[in-house]
Amino acid sequence: MAKQARQTTWSGPVPKCAVRIGEPCTLCQPGSHGPEDCGLVYLVMNDPELRERLGEIRAEAKAASAS
């Protein structure tokens, strides 16, 4: 009887998207390797109004999860 090899998968840390709160990074921007080199994250973080709004959204999400 042949012994089946067990396939193991590595489940290391999953980077979180800095724009879509609570979701993993899905590499939605071509050429990106994660949030660290994502063009969308770069644009949001370098625009003062968008960055402020993202902070508000994060605060709302944190408050909703706490209650």
Foldseek 3Di string as FASTA:
>chain_A
DDDDDDDDDDDDDFDCALQPPPHTDPPPAPPDPGNVPHPVNVVQVPDVVSVVVSVVVVVVVVVVVVD
